[in-house]
Amino acid sequence: MRNKVSGYTHTKKQLDNYSNQNNKNNKAYTANLNNRANQLNPNNARYYSSRLNNK
């Protein structure tokens, strides 16, 4: 089940960003998937940088 975002606790910009990141037809959604895939791929430089910054 997806979490919902309340308009009482978030600004319009925050609500728009949330909507864009969860809309399969939006560039932000694709960018999030690509970033996540890069962080999980040992053949990608972002794999190591995502681990070094979390120490």
PDB file of N, CA and C in Angstrom:
ATOM      1  N   MET A   1       0.837  -1.178   0.000  1.00  0.00           N
ATOM      2  CA  MET A   1       0.000   0.000   0.000  1.00  0.00           C
ATOM      3  C   MET A   1       0.883   1.242   0.000  1.00  0.00           C
ATOM      4  N   ARG A   2       0.547   2.184  -0.825  1.00  0.00           N
ATOM      5  CA  ARG A   2       1.317   3.420  -0.926  1.00  0.00           C
ATOM      6  C   ARG A   2       0.971   4.372   0.204  1.00  0.00           C
ATOM      7  N   ASN A   3       1.970   5.077   0.650  1.00  0.00           N
ATOM      8  CA  ASN A   3       1.733   6.134   1.625  1.00  0.00           C
ATOM      9  C   ASN A   3       1.113   7.317   0.911  1.00  0.00           C
ATOM     10  N   LYS A   4       0.290   8.027   1.601  1.00  0.00           N
ATOM     11  CA  LYS A   4      -0.322   9.212   1.019  1.00  0.00           C
ATOM     12  C   LYS A   4       0.323  10.439   1.617  1.00  0.00           C
ATOM     13  N   VAL A   5       0.278  11.534   0.871  1.00  0.00           N
ATOM     14  CA  VAL A   5       0.855  12.785   1.312  1.00  0.00           C
ATOM     15  C   VAL A   5      -0.284  13.767   1.529  1.00  0.00           C
ATOM     16  N   SER A   6      -0.271  14.428   2.649  1.00  0.00           N
ATOM     17  CA  SER A   6      -1.341  15.336   3.007  1.00  0.00           C
ATOM     18  C   SER A   6      -1.049  16.762   2.557  1.00  0.00           C
ATOM     19  N   GLY A   7      -2.053  17.421   2.010  1.00  0.00           N
ATOM     20  CA  GLY A   7      -1.937  18.816   1.640  1.00  0.00           C
ATOM     21  C   GLY A   7      -1.899  19.730   2.848  1.00  0.00           C
ATOM     22  N   TYR A   8      -2.237  19.200   4.011  1.00  0.00           N
ATOM     23  CA  TYR A   8      -2.185  20.004   5.235  1.00  0.00           C
ATOM     24  C   TYR A   8      -0.769  20.115   5.782  1.00  0.00           C
ATOM     25  N   THR A   9       0.085  19.141   5.463  1.00  0.00           N
ATOM     26  CA  THR A   9       1.435  19.126   6.025  1.00  0.00           C
ATOM     27  C   THR A   9       2.519  19.360   4.982  1.00  0.00           C
ATOM     28  N   HIS A  10       2.155  19.482   3.701  1.00  0.00           N
ATOM     29  CA  HIS A  10       3.136  19.664   2.636  1.00  0.00           C
ATOM     30  C   HIS A  10       2.741  20.840   1.754  1.00  0.00           C
ATOM     31  N   THR A  11       3.766  21.483   1.187  1.00  0.00           N
ATOM     32  CA  THR A  11       3.514  22.602   0.282  1.00  0.00           C
ATOM     33  C   THR A  11       3.065  22.064  -1.072  1.00  0.00           C
ATOM     34  N   LYS A  12       2.564  22.946  -1.924  1.00  0.00           N
ATOM     35  CA  LYS A  12       2.143  22.544  -3.269  1.00  0.00           C
ATOM     36  C   LYS A  12       3.317  21.976  -4.045  1.00  0.00           C
ATOM     37  N   LYS A  13       4.487  22.598  -3.894  1.00  0.00           N
ATOM     38  CA  LYS A  13       5.678  22.111  -4.598  1.00  0.00           C
ATOM     39  C   LYS A  13       6.038  20.696  -4.141  1.00  0.00           C
ATOM     40  N   GLN A  14       5.943  20.430  -2.834  1.00  0.00           N
ATOM     41  CA  GLN A  14       6.237  19.090  -2.323  1.00  0.00           C
ATOM     42  C   GLN A  14       5.232  18.080  -2.855  1.00  0.00           C
ATOM     43  N   LEU A  15       3.967  18.474  -2.909  1.00  0.00           N
ATOM     44  CA  LEU A  15       2.935  17.576  -3.441  1.00  0.00           C
ATOM     45  C   LEU A  15       3.176  17.291  -4.920  1.00  0.00           C
ATOM     46  N   ASP A  16       3.555  18.328  -5.679  1.00  0.00           N
ATOM     47  CA  ASP A  16       3.834  18.142  -7.105  1.00  0.00           C
ATOM     48  C   ASP A  16       5.028  17.223  -7.321  1.00  0.00           C
ATOM     49  N   ASN A  17       6.090  17.410  -6.520  1.00  0.00           N
ATOM     50  CA  ASN A  17       7.272  16.547  -6.637  1.00  0.00           C
ATOM     51  C   ASN A  17       6.925  15.099  -6.335  1.00  0.00           C
ATOM     52  N   TYR A  18       6.135  14.887  -5.303  1.00  0.00           N
ATOM     53  CA  TYR A  18       5.719  13.531  -4.944  1.00  0.00           C
ATOM     54  C   TYR A  18       4.918  12.900  -6.083  1.00  0.00           C
ATOM     55  N   SER A  19       4.004  13.670  -6.643  1.00  0.00           N
ATOM     56  CA  SER A  19       3.183  13.164  -7.749  1.00  0.00           C
ATOM     57  C   SER A  19       4.040  12.818  -8.954  1.00  0.00           C
ATOM     58  N   ASN A  20       4.983  13.690  -9.281  1.00  0.00           N
ATOM     59  CA  ASN A  20       5.847  13.451 -10.434  1.00  0.00           C
ATOM     60  C   ASN A  20       6.699  12.204 -10.256  1.00  0.00           C
ATOM     61  N   GLN A  21       7.200  11.981  -9.045  1.00  0.00           N
ATOM     62  CA  GLN A  21       8.066  10.838  -8.794  1.00  0.00           C
ATOM     63  C   GLN A  21       7.307   9.521  -8.777  1.00  0.00           C
ATOM     64  N   ASN A  22       5.990   9.582  -8.637  1.00  0.00           N
ATOM     65  CA  ASN A  22       5.189   8.361  -8.593  1.00  0.00           C
ATOM     66  C   ASN A  22       4.303   8.188  -9.817  1.00  0.00           C
ATOM     67  N   ASN A  23       4.515   9.008 -10.844  1.00  0.00           N
ATOM     68  CA  ASN A  23       3.750   8.938 -12.078  1.00  0.00           C
ATOM     69  C   ASN A  23       4.622   8.298 -13.154  1.00  0.00           C
ATOM     70  N   LYS A  24       4.232   7.132 -13.633  1.00  0.00           N
ATOM     71  CA  LYS A  24       5.053   6.383 -14.589  1.00  0.00           C
ATOM     72  C   LYS A  24       5.258   7.121 -15.903  1.00  0.00           C
ATOM     73  N   ASN A  25       4.453   8.126 -16.189  1.00  0.00           N
ATOM     74  CA  ASN A  25       4.579   8.883 -17.430  1.00  0.00           C
ATOM     75  C   ASN A  25       5.412  10.149 -17.260  1.00  0.00           C
ATOM     76  N   ASN A  26       6.112  10.291 -16.152  1.00  0.00           N
ATOM     77  CA  ASN A  26       6.868  11.500 -15.861  1.00  0.00           C
ATOM     78  C   ASN A  26       8.366  11.225 -15.870  1.00  0.00           C
ATOM     79  N   LYS A  27       9.157  12.218 -16.293  1.00  0.00           N
ATOM     80  CA  LYS A  27      10.618  12.066 -16.343  1.00  0.00           C
ATOM     81  C   LYS A  27      11.219  11.833 -14.965  1.00  0.00           C
ATOM     82  N   ALA A  28      10.638  12.429 -13.931  1.00  0.00           N
ATOM     83  CA  ALA A  28      11.175  12.269 -12.575  1.00  0.00           C
ATOM     84  C   ALA A  28      11.066  10.818 -12.122  1.00  0.00           C
ATOM     85  N   TYR A  29      10.009  10.142 -12.508  1.00  0.00           N
ATOM     86  CA  TYR A  29       9.819   8.728 -12.170  1.00  0.00           C
ATOM     87  C   TYR A  29      10.927   7.893 -12.818  1.00  0.00           C
ATOM     88  N   THR A  30      11.169   8.132 -14.092  1.00  0.00           N
ATOM     89  CA  THR A  30      12.209   7.404 -14.813  1.00  0.00           C
ATOM     90  C   THR A  30      13.590   7.713 -14.241  1.00  0.00           C
ATOM     91  N   ALA A  31      13.821   8.968 -13.901  1.00  0.00           N
ATOM     92  CA  ALA A  31      15.112   9.357 -13.334  1.00  0.00           C
ATOM     93  C   ALA A  31      15.353   8.648 -12.005  1.00  0.00           C
ATOM     94  N   ASN A  32      14.319   8.532 -11.178  1.00  0.00           N
ATOM     95  CA  ASN A  32      14.463   7.828  -9.900  1.00  0.00           C
ATOM     96  C   ASN A  32      14.781   6.358 -10.119  1.00  0.00           C
ATOM     97  N   LEU A  33      14.121   5.739 -11.081  1.00  0.00           N
ATOM     98  CA  LEU A  33      14.400   4.327 -11.367  1.00  0.00           C
ATOM     99  C   LEU A  33      15.830   4.147 -11.864  1.00  0.00           C
ATOM    100  N   ASN A  34      16.272   5.023 -12.762  1.00  0.00           N
ATOM    101  CA  ASN A  34      17.627   4.928 -13.292  1.00  0.00           C
ATOM    102  C   ASN A  34      18.664   5.142 -12.200  1.00  0.00           C
ATOM    103  N   ASN A  35      18.423   6.098 -11.328  1.00  0.00           N
ATOM    104  CA  ASN A  35      19.356   6.360 -10.234  1.00  0.00           C
ATOM    105  C   ASN A  35      19.438   5.153  -9.307  1.00  0.00           C
ATOM    106  N   ARG A  36      18.300   4.570  -9.000  1.00  0.00           N
ATOM    107  CA  ARG A  36      18.270   3.396  -8.121  1.00  0.00           C
ATOM    108  C   ARG A  36      19.001   2.221  -8.767  1.00  0.00           C
ATOM    109  N   ALA A  37      18.778   2.026 -10.061  1.00  0.00           N
ATOM    110  CA  ALA A  37      19.451   0.943 -10.773  1.00  0.00           C
ATOM    111  C   ALA A  37      20.960   1.154 -10.783  1.00  0.00           C
ATOM    112  N   ASN A  38      21.386   2.402 -10.964  1.00  0.00           N
ATOM    113  CA  ASN A  38      22.818   2.704 -10.957  1.00  0.00           C
ATOM    114  C   ASN A  38      23.436   2.440  -9.589  1.00  0.00           C
ATOM    115  N   GLN A  39      22.699   2.741  -8.526  1.00  0.00           N
ATOM    116  CA  GLN A  39      23.216   2.526  -7.181  1.00  0.00           C
ATOM    117  C   GLN A  39      23.318   1.042  -6.840  1.00  0.00           C
ATOM    118  N   LEU A  40      22.555   0.212  -7.518  1.00  0.00           N
ATOM    119  CA  LEU A  40      22.581  -1.226  -7.243  1.00  0.00           C
ATOM    120  C   LEU A  40      23.486  -2.002  -8.201  1.00  0.00           C
ATOM    121  N   ASN A  41      24.076  -1.321  -9.184  1.00  0.00           N
ATOM    122  CA  ASN A  41      24.886  -1.970 -10.201  1.00  0.00           C
ATOM    123  C   ASN A  41      26.368  -1.791  -9.883  1.00  0.00           C
ATOM    124  N   PRO A  42      27.075  -2.877  -9.534  1.00  0.00           N
ATOM    125  CA  PRO A  42      28.498  -2.758  -9.187  1.00  0.00           C
ATOM    126  C   PRO A  42      29.372  -2.287 -10.344  1.00  0.00           C
ATOM    127  N   ASN A  43      28.871  -2.321 -11.576  1.00  0.00           N
ATOM    128  CA  ASN A  43      29.634  -1.858 -12.732  1.00  0.00           C
ATOM    129  C   ASN A  43      29.476  -0.360 -12.961  1.00  0.00           C
ATOM    130  N   ASN A  44      28.781   0.313 -12.074  1.00  0.00           N
ATOM    131  CA  ASN A  44      28.537   1.742 -12.216  1.00  0.00           C
ATOM    132  C   ASN A  44      29.234   2.496 -11.080  1.00  0.00           C
ATOM    133  N   ALA A  45      29.805   3.663 -11.388  1.00  0.00           N
ATOM    134  CA  ALA A  45      30.531   4.448 -10.380  1.00  0.00           C
ATOM    135  C   ALA A  45      29.619   4.876  -9.231  1.00  0.00           C
ATOM    136  N   ARG A  46      28.351   5.078  -9.495  1.00  0.00           N
ATOM    137  CA  ARG A  46      27.435   5.511  -8.434  1.00  0.00           C
ATOM    138  C   ARG A  46      27.195   4.411  -7.403  1.00  0.00           C
ATOM    139  N   TYR A  47      27.451   3.183  -7.769  1.00  0.00           N
ATOM    140  CA  TYR A  47      27.331   2.075  -6.819  1.00  0.00           C
ATOM    141  C   TYR A  47      28.262   2.317  -5.640  1.00  0.00           C
ATOM    142  N   TYR A  48      29.508   2.676  -5.932  1.00  0.00           N
ATOM    143  CA  TYR A  48      30.499   2.853  -4.878  1.00  0.00           C
ATOM    144  C   TYR A  48      30.321   4.193  -4.165  1.00  0.00           C
ATOM    145  N   SER A  49      29.978   5.231  -4.908  1.00  0.00           N
ATOM    146  CA  SER A  49      29.797   6.532  -4.250  1.00  0.00           C
ATOM    147  C   SER A  49      28.591   6.526  -3.327  1.00  0.00           C
ATOM    148  N   SER A  50      27.582   5.728  -3.640  1.00  0.00           N
ATOM    149  CA  SER A  50      26.410   5.669  -2.756  1.00  0.00           C
ATOM    150  C   SER A  50      26.754   4.941  -1.455  1.00  0.00           C
ATOM    151  N   ARG A  51      27.770   4.110  -1.468  1.00  0.00           N
ATOM    152  CA  ARG A  51      28.171   3.386  -0.269  1.00  0.00           C
ATOM    153  C   ARG A  51      29.213   4.148   0.552  1.00  0.00           C
ATOM    154  N   LEU A  52      30.057   4.891  -0.102  1.00  0.00           N
ATOM    155  CA  LEU A  52      31.094   5.631   0.615  1.00  0.00           C
ATOM    156  C   LEU A  52      30.523   6.784   1.423  1.00  0.00           C
ATOM    157  N   ASN A  53      29.443   7.395   0.961  1.00  0.00           N
ATOM    158  CA  ASN A  53      28.868   8.551   1.634  1.00  0.00           C
ATOM    159  C   ASN A  53      28.016   8.165   2.844  1.00  0.00           C
ATOM    160  N   ASN A  54      27.724   6.891   3.022  1.00  0.00           N
ATOM    161  CA  ASN A  54      26.834   6.460   4.108  1.00  0.00           C
ATOM    162  C   ASN A  54      27.583   5.926   5.313  1.00  0.00           C
ATOM    163  N   LYS A  55      28.846   6.224   5.443  1.00  0.00           N
ATOM    164  CA  LYS A  55      29.608   5.718   6.591  1.00  0.00           C
ATOM    165  C   LYS A  55      29.380   6.529   7.810  1.00  0.00           C
TER     166      LYS A  55
END
